[in-house]
Amino acid sequence: MRDLARALQHRFRGACPAGSRCTFEDRIMSPGLQRRLGFAPRADMRLTRDDGP
């Protein structure tokens, strides 16, 4: 299953729209909020624009 995840990540990275970037297993909360809630969720794949949020 890990090979499938890597293959999909590679495909997403290759198909990322211009002006955007793909990151994988990315944190989605601040370290302080993670400590307060007691867990650290991550996004499997996150698409962000290069020019802002």
PDB file of N, CA and C in Angstrom:
ATOM      1  N   MET A   1       0.826  -1.198   0.000  1.00  0.00           N
ATOM      2  CA  MET A   1       0.000   0.000   0.000  1.00  0.00           C
ATOM      3  C   MET A   1       0.870   1.262   0.000  1.00  0.00           C
ATOM      4  N   ARG A   2       2.038   1.169   0.623  1.00  0.00           N
ATOM      5  CA  ARG A   2       2.917   2.330   0.664  1.00  0.00           C
ATOM      6  C   ARG A   2       3.387   2.714  -0.734  1.00  0.00           C
ATOM      7  N   ASP A   3       3.608   1.716  -1.598  1.00  0.00           N
ATOM      8  CA  ASP A   3       4.014   2.006  -2.971  1.00  0.00           C
ATOM      9  C   ASP A   3       2.923   2.756  -3.722  1.00  0.00           C
ATOM     10  N   LEU A   4       1.673   2.403  -3.470  1.00  0.00           N
ATOM     11  CA  LEU A   4       0.553   3.098  -4.102  1.00  0.00           C
ATOM     12  C   LEU A   4       0.516   4.556  -3.647  1.00  0.00           C
ATOM     13  N   ALA A   5       0.697   4.796  -2.360  1.00  0.00           N
ATOM     14  CA  ALA A   5       0.686   6.169  -1.842  1.00  0.00           C
ATOM     15  C   ALA A   5       1.803   6.990  -2.478  1.00  0.00           C
ATOM     16  N   ARG A   6       2.974   6.416  -2.599  1.00  0.00           N
ATOM     17  CA  ARG A   6       4.096   7.140  -3.226  1.00  0.00           C
ATOM     18  C   ARG A   6       3.823   7.415  -4.698  1.00  0.00           C
ATOM     19  N   ALA A   7       3.236   6.457  -5.387  1.00  0.00           N
ATOM     20  CA  ALA A   7       2.906   6.655  -6.803  1.00  0.00           C
ATOM     21  C   ALA A   7       1.883   7.773  -6.962  1.00  0.00           C
ATOM     22  N   LEU A   8       0.882   7.794  -6.101  1.00  0.00           N
ATOM     23  CA  LEU A   8      -0.135   8.848  -6.169  1.00  0.00           C
ATOM     24  C   LEU A   8       0.471  10.210  -5.844  1.00  0.00           C
ATOM     25  N   GLN A   9       1.345  10.269  -4.852  1.00  0.00           N
ATOM     26  CA  GLN A   9       2.006  11.531  -4.518  1.00  0.00           C
ATOM     27  C   GLN A   9       2.813  12.035  -5.706  1.00  0.00           C
ATOM     28  N   HIS A  10       3.520  11.148  -6.366  1.00  0.00           N
ATOM     29  CA  HIS A  10       4.312  11.523  -7.533  1.00  0.00           C
ATOM     30  C   HIS A  10       3.408  12.068  -8.642  1.00  0.00           C
ATOM     31  N   ARG A  11       2.276  11.429  -8.858  1.00  0.00           N
ATOM     32  CA  ARG A  11       1.327  11.885  -9.881  1.00  0.00           C
ATOM     33  C   ARG A  11       0.745  13.255  -9.525  1.00  0.00           C
ATOM     34  N   PHE A  12       0.349  13.431  -8.262  1.00  0.00           N
ATOM     35  CA  PHE A  12      -0.188  14.726  -7.837  1.00  0.00           C
ATOM     36  C   PHE A  12       0.851  15.823  -8.031  1.00  0.00           C
ATOM     37  N   ARG A  13       2.076  15.555  -7.639  1.00  0.00           N
ATOM     38  CA  ARG A  13       3.135  16.559  -7.771  1.00  0.00           C
ATOM     39  C   ARG A  13       3.337  16.925  -9.243  1.00  0.00           C
ATOM     40  N   GLY A  14       3.277  15.951 -10.127  1.00  0.00           N
ATOM     41  CA  GLY A  14       3.448  16.201 -11.551  1.00  0.00           C
ATOM     42  C   GLY A  14       2.279  16.941 -12.180  1.00  0.00           C
ATOM     43  N   ALA A  15       1.090  16.827 -11.594  1.00  0.00           N
ATOM     44  CA  ALA A  15      -0.109  17.464 -12.143  1.00  0.00           C
ATOM     45  C   ALA A  15      -0.477  18.750 -11.410  1.00  0.00           C
ATOM     46  N   CYS A  16       0.383  19.202 -10.529  1.00  0.00           N
ATOM     47  CA  CYS A  16       0.105  20.405  -9.743  1.00  0.00           C
ATOM     48  C   CYS A  16      -0.046  21.612 -10.682  1.00  0.00           C
ATOM     49  N   PRO A  17      -1.110  22.398 -10.534  1.00  0.00           N
ATOM     50  CA  PRO A  17      -1.320  23.550 -11.414  1.00  0.00           C
ATOM     51  C   PRO A  17      -0.205  24.589 -11.275  1.00  0.00           C
ATOM     52  N   ALA A  18       0.028  25.346 -12.331  1.00  0.00           N
ATOM     53  CA  ALA A  18       1.018  26.421 -12.285  1.00  0.00           C
ATOM     54  C   ALA A  18       0.651  27.408 -11.183  1.00  0.00           C
ATOM     55  N   GLY A  19       1.641  27.870 -10.444  1.00  0.00           N
ATOM     56  CA  GLY A  19       1.406  28.813  -9.358  1.00  0.00           C
ATOM     57  C   GLY A  19       0.989  28.150  -8.063  1.00  0.00           C
ATOM     58  N   SER A  20       1.066  26.828  -8.012  1.00  0.00           N
ATOM     59  CA  SER A  20       0.677  26.075  -6.820  1.00  0.00           C
ATOM     60  C   SER A  20       1.778  25.090  -6.468  1.00  0.00           C
ATOM     61  N   ARG A  21       1.673  24.540  -5.256  1.00  0.00           N
ATOM     62  CA  ARG A  21       2.593  23.471  -4.877  1.00  0.00           C
ATOM     63  C   ARG A  21       1.856  22.434  -4.056  1.00  0.00           C
ATOM     64  N   CYS A  22       2.298  21.214  -4.168  1.00  0.00           N
ATOM     65  CA  CYS A  22       1.726  20.093  -3.422  1.00  0.00           C
ATOM     66  C   CYS A  22       2.686  19.710  -2.311  1.00  0.00           C
ATOM     67  N   THR A  23       2.153  19.526  -1.121  1.00  0.00           N
ATOM     68  CA  THR A  23       2.947  18.991  -0.019  1.00  0.00           C
ATOM     69  C   THR A  23       2.206  17.783   0.528  1.00  0.00           C
ATOM     70  N   PHE A  24       2.945  16.879   1.137  1.00  0.00           N
ATOM     71  CA  PHE A  24       2.369  15.625   1.603  1.00  0.00           C
ATOM     72  C   PHE A  24       2.681  15.414   3.074  1.00  0.00           C
ATOM     73  N   GLU A  25       1.735  14.775   3.774  1.00  0.00           N
ATOM     74  CA  GLU A  25       1.871  14.516   5.208  1.00  0.00           C
ATOM     75  C   GLU A  25       2.217  15.809   5.939  1.00  0.00           C
ATOM     76  N   ASP A  26       1.487  16.855   5.618  1.00  0.00           N
ATOM     77  CA  ASP A  26       1.756  18.195   6.129  1.00  0.00           C
ATOM     78  C   ASP A  26       0.948  18.469   7.393  1.00  0.00           C
ATOM     79  N   ARG A  27       1.564  19.128   8.351  1.00  0.00           N
ATOM     80  CA  ARG A  27       0.853  19.515   9.575  1.00  0.00           C
ATOM     81  C   ARG A  27      -0.214  20.551   9.235  1.00  0.00           C
ATOM     82  N   ILE A  28      -1.345  20.479   9.920  1.00  0.00           N
ATOM     83  CA  ILE A  28      -2.425  21.424   9.637  1.00  0.00           C
ATOM     84  C   ILE A  28      -2.810  22.249  10.862  1.00  0.00           C
ATOM     85  N   MET A  29      -2.092  22.068  11.982  1.00  0.00           N
ATOM     86  CA  MET A  29      -2.335  22.847  13.200  1.00  0.00           C
ATOM     87  C   MET A  29      -1.013  23.393  13.714  1.00  0.00           C
ATOM     88  N   SER A  30      -1.090  24.477  14.451  1.00  0.00           N
ATOM     89  CA  SER A  30       0.112  25.024  15.069  1.00  0.00           C
ATOM     90  C   SER A  30       0.589  24.076  16.170  1.00  0.00           C
ATOM     91  N   PRO A  31       1.880  24.111  16.496  1.00  0.00           N
ATOM     92  CA  PRO A  31       2.386  23.254  17.576  1.00  0.00           C
ATOM     93  C   PRO A  31       1.664  23.493  18.909  1.00  0.00           C
ATOM     94  N   GLY A  32       1.325  24.741  19.202  1.00  0.00           N
ATOM     95  CA  GLY A  32       0.608  25.034  20.443  1.00  0.00           C
ATOM     96  C   GLY A  32      -0.764  24.385  20.488  1.00  0.00           C
ATOM     97  N   LEU A  33      -1.488  24.448  19.394  1.00  0.00           N
ATOM     98  CA  LEU A  33      -2.816  23.831  19.340  1.00  0.00           C
ATOM     99  C   LEU A  33      -2.700  22.305  19.404  1.00  0.00           C
ATOM    100  N   GLN A  34      -1.688  21.762  18.778  1.00  0.00           N
ATOM    101  CA  GLN A  34      -1.468  20.313  18.855  1.00  0.00           C
ATOM    102  C   GLN A  34      -1.250  19.875  20.301  1.00  0.00           C
ATOM    103  N   ARG A  35      -0.419  20.632  21.033  1.00  0.00           N
ATOM    104  CA  ARG A  35      -0.181  20.298  22.445  1.00  0.00           C
ATOM    105  C   ARG A  35      -1.461  20.409  23.253  1.00  0.00           C
ATOM    106  N   ARG A  36      -2.222  21.458  23.012  1.00  0.00           N
ATOM    107  CA  ARG A  36      -3.455  21.673  23.769  1.00  0.00           C
ATOM    108  C   ARG A  36      -4.467  20.550  23.527  1.00  0.00           C
ATOM    109  N   LEU A  37      -4.601  20.121  22.287  1.00  0.00           N
ATOM    110  CA  LEU A  37      -5.575  19.085  21.945  1.00  0.00           C
ATOM    111  C   LEU A  37      -5.049  17.667  22.158  1.00  0.00           C
ATOM    112  N   GLY A  38      -3.724  17.525  22.218  1.00  0.00           N
ATOM    113  CA  GLY A  38      -3.141  16.220  22.481  1.00  0.00           C
ATOM    114  C   GLY A  38      -2.982  15.326  21.263  1.00  0.00           C
ATOM    115  N   PHE A  39      -3.066  15.894  20.072  1.00  0.00           N
ATOM    116  CA  PHE A  39      -2.813  15.113  18.860  1.00  0.00           C
ATOM    117  C   PHE A  39      -2.330  16.042  17.761  1.00  0.00           C
ATOM    118  N   ALA A  40      -1.719  15.462  16.741  1.00  0.00           N
ATOM    119  CA  ALA A  40      -1.115  16.248  15.665  1.00  0.00           C
ATOM    120  C   ALA A  40      -1.584  15.719  14.307  1.00  0.00           C
ATOM    121  N   PRO A  41      -2.767  16.141  13.860  1.00  0.00           N
ATOM    122  CA  PRO A  41      -3.259  15.656  12.568  1.00  0.00           C
ATOM    123  C   PRO A  41      -2.412  16.177  11.409  1.00  0.00           C
ATOM    124  N   ARG A  42      -2.387  15.412  10.347  1.00  0.00           N
ATOM    125  CA  ARG A  42      -1.664  15.808   9.140  1.00  0.00           C
ATOM    126  C   ARG A  42      -2.565  15.598   7.930  1.00  0.00           C
ATOM    127  N   ALA A  43      -2.352  16.438   6.928  1.00  0.00           N
ATOM    128  CA  ALA A  43      -3.082  16.297   5.668  1.00  0.00           C
ATOM    129  C   ALA A  43      -2.320  15.320   4.779  1.00  0.00           C
ATOM    130  N   ASP A  44      -3.017  14.373   4.176  1.00  0.00           N
ATOM    131  CA  ASP A  44      -2.358  13.443   3.250  1.00  0.00           C
ATOM    132  C   ASP A  44      -1.721  14.207   2.098  1.00  0.00           C
ATOM    133  N   MET A  45      -2.464  15.159   1.541  1.00  0.00           N
ATOM    134  CA  MET A  45      -1.973  15.991   0.458  1.00  0.00           C
ATOM    135  C   MET A  45      -2.577  17.375   0.609  1.00  0.00           C
ATOM    136  N   ARG A  46      -1.733  18.397   0.468  1.00  0.00           N
ATOM    137  CA  ARG A  46      -2.227  19.766   0.581  1.00  0.00           C
ATOM    138  C   ARG A  46      -1.754  20.548  -0.633  1.00  0.00           C
ATOM    139  N   LEU A  47      -2.684  21.243  -1.264  1.00  0.00           N
ATOM    140  CA  LEU A  47      -2.399  22.066  -2.430  1.00  0.00           C
ATOM    141  C   LEU A  47      -2.477  23.520  -1.992  1.00  0.00           C
ATOM    142  N   THR A  48      -1.386  24.268  -2.161  1.00  0.00           N
ATOM    143  CA  THR A  48      -1.360  25.682  -1.775  1.00  0.00           C
ATOM    144  C   THR A  48      -0.896  26.526  -2.951  1.00  0.00           C
ATOM    145  N   ARG A  49      -1.346  27.779  -2.955  1.00  0.00           N
ATOM    146  CA  ARG A  49      -0.921  28.718  -3.990  1.00  0.00           C
ATOM    147  C   ARG A  49       0.415  29.324  -3.590  1.00  0.00           C
ATOM    148  N   ASP A  50       1.244  29.624  -4.565  1.00  0.00           N
ATOM    149  CA  ASP A  50       2.541  30.237  -4.287  1.00  0.00           C
ATOM    150  C   ASP A  50       2.416  31.689  -3.856  1.00  0.00           C
ATOM    151  N   ASP A  51       1.317  32.354  -4.224  1.00  0.00           N
ATOM    152  CA  ASP A  51       1.174  33.781  -3.949  1.00  0.00           C
ATOM    153  C   ASP A  51       0.381  34.096  -2.684  1.00  0.00           C
ATOM    154  N   GLY A  52       0.122  33.136  -1.842  1.00  0.00           N
ATOM    155  CA  GLY A  52      -0.612  33.413  -0.603  1.00  0.00           C
ATOM    156  C   GLY A  52      -1.359  32.203  -0.105  1.00  0.00           C
ATOM    157  N   PRO A  53      -2.353  32.448   0.776  1.00  0.00           N
ATOM    158  CA  PRO A  53      -3.076  31.342   1.416  1.00  0.00           C
ATOM    159  C   PRO A  53      -3.855  30.486   0.508  1.00  0.00           C
TER     160      PRO A  53
END
